[in-house]
Amino acid sequence: MDAVRAVGLASIVVQNREPLSADLDGGVLLMSAEQGRFFGLDAVGGEVWRRLEAPALVSDLCAGLAADYDGPPDAITQDVLDLLGRMAERGLIEIVA
């Protein structure tokens, strides 16, 4: 099963501690020494990253972001699932349950 499908609303996810991170103008720059790659997150992606410092249930993460940002909750949920899937594929987050 690929990582995009592995992340669902019932998943618990957390930051992978390997990438180094730095806040940049509201966003976050991640550097993976293992992969020799940089990853940039915009302000909302950076907020998702910060909220994953401790393990989080994806449904709770989506609900919290929907409460803090304007937008249709279904669209926010889908955007978060897409982002988390890409982050999991790149080894930036871990799916712990």
Protein backbone atom coordinates (compact mmCIF):
# COMPACT_ATOMS: atom_id res chain seq x y z
CA MET A 1 0.00 0.00 0.00
CA ASP A 2 1.42 3.38 -0.90
CA ALA A 3 1.82 6.12 1.69
CA VAL A 4 -0.95 8.30 0.23
CA ARG A 5 -3.51 5.59 0.92
CA ALA A 6 -1.95 4.74 4.26
CA VAL A 7 -2.80 8.13 5.77
CA GLY A 8 -6.45 8.35 6.74
CA LEU A 9 -8.62 10.16 9.24
CA ALA A 10 -8.07 7.38 11.80
CA SER A 11 -4.26 7.51 11.40
CA ILE A 12 -2.01 8.90 14.10
CA VAL A 13 0.94 10.76 12.62
CA VAL A 14 3.98 12.57 13.98
CA GLN A 15 7.00 14.42 12.60
CA ASN A 16 9.93 12.26 11.61
CA ARG A 17 12.77 13.62 13.76
CA GLU A 18 15.37 13.23 10.99
CA PRO A 19 14.71 16.32 8.90
CA LEU A 20 16.06 19.59 10.24
CA SER A 21 13.50 22.38 10.16
CA ALA A 22 13.61 26.15 10.12
CA ASP A 23 10.77 28.67 10.15
CA LEU A 24 10.84 31.01 7.15
CA ASP A 25 8.30 33.82 6.78
CA GLY A 26 5.50 31.73 8.29
CA GLY A 27 6.40 28.63 6.31
CA VAL A 28 8.89 25.93 7.12
CA LEU A 29 11.99 24.69 5.31
CA LEU A 30 12.88 21.04 5.95
CA MET A 31 16.22 19.49 5.10
CA SER A 32 16.66 15.74 4.99
CA ALA A 33 20.32 14.77 5.33
CA GLU A 34 19.39 11.14 4.61
CA GLN A 35 17.84 12.09 1.28
CA GLY A 36 20.03 15.10 0.55
CA ARG A 37 16.89 17.12 -0.24
CA PHE A 38 15.10 20.25 0.90
CA PHE A 39 11.34 20.54 1.28
CA GLY A 40 9.45 23.81 1.56
CA LEU A 41 6.10 24.21 3.27
CA ASP A 42 3.91 27.29 2.95
CA ALA A 43 2.28 28.91 5.99
CA VAL A 44 -0.52 26.35 6.27
CA GLY A 45 1.84 23.43 5.63
CA GLY A 46 4.14 24.88 8.26
CA GLU A 47 1.26 25.00 10.71
CA VAL A 48 0.50 21.33 9.99
CA TRP A 49 4.19 20.52 10.59
CA ARG A 50 4.22 22.36 13.92
CA ARG A 51 1.04 20.57 15.06
CA LEU A 52 2.75 17.24 14.41
CA GLU A 53 5.51 17.79 16.99
CA ALA A 54 3.50 15.36 19.12
CA PRO A 55 1.51 12.45 17.68
CA ALA A 56 -1.86 13.61 16.38
CA LEU A 57 -5.00 11.87 15.21
CA VAL A 58 -5.55 13.05 11.64
CA SER A 59 -9.29 13.68 12.18
CA ASP A 60 -8.46 15.92 15.17
CA LEU A 61 -5.77 17.71 13.15
CA CYS A 62 -8.27 18.41 10.36
CA ALA A 63 -10.93 19.60 12.81
CA GLY A 64 -8.47 21.95 14.48
CA LEU A 65 -7.34 23.42 11.17
CA ALA A 66 -10.97 23.81 10.00
CA ALA A 67 -11.72 25.74 13.20
CA ASP A 68 -8.72 28.03 12.68
CA TYR A 69 -8.97 28.65 8.91
CA ASP A 70 -11.78 29.81 6.67
CA GLY A 71 -12.82 27.26 4.11
CA PRO A 72 -15.12 24.33 3.62
CA PRO A 73 -14.22 21.63 6.18
CA ASP A 74 -14.36 18.91 3.50
CA ALA A 75 -11.86 20.80 1.34
CA ILE A 76 -9.56 21.40 4.30
CA THR A 77 -9.72 17.71 5.20
CA GLN A 78 -8.89 16.65 1.65
CA ASP A 79 -6.01 19.15 1.41
CA VAL A 80 -4.59 17.93 4.74
CA LEU A 81 -4.86 14.27 3.69
CA ASP A 82 -3.10 15.08 0.41
CA LEU A 83 -0.32 16.97 2.22
CA LEU A 84 0.14 14.23 4.81
CA GLY A 85 0.28 11.62 2.06
CA ARG A 86 3.05 13.53 0.27
CA MET A 87 4.89 14.05 3.55
CA ALA A 88 4.66 10.33 4.35
CA GLU A 89 5.93 9.40 0.88
CA ARG A 90 8.98 11.60 1.45
CA GLY A 91 9.62 10.23 4.94
CA LEU A 92 8.91 13.55 6.66
CA ILE A 93 6.24 12.11 8.93
CA GLU A 94 5.66 8.72 10.50
CA ILE A 95 2.35 6.91 10.71
CA VAL A 96 2.35 5.49 14.23
CA ALA A 97 -1.13 3.92 14.22
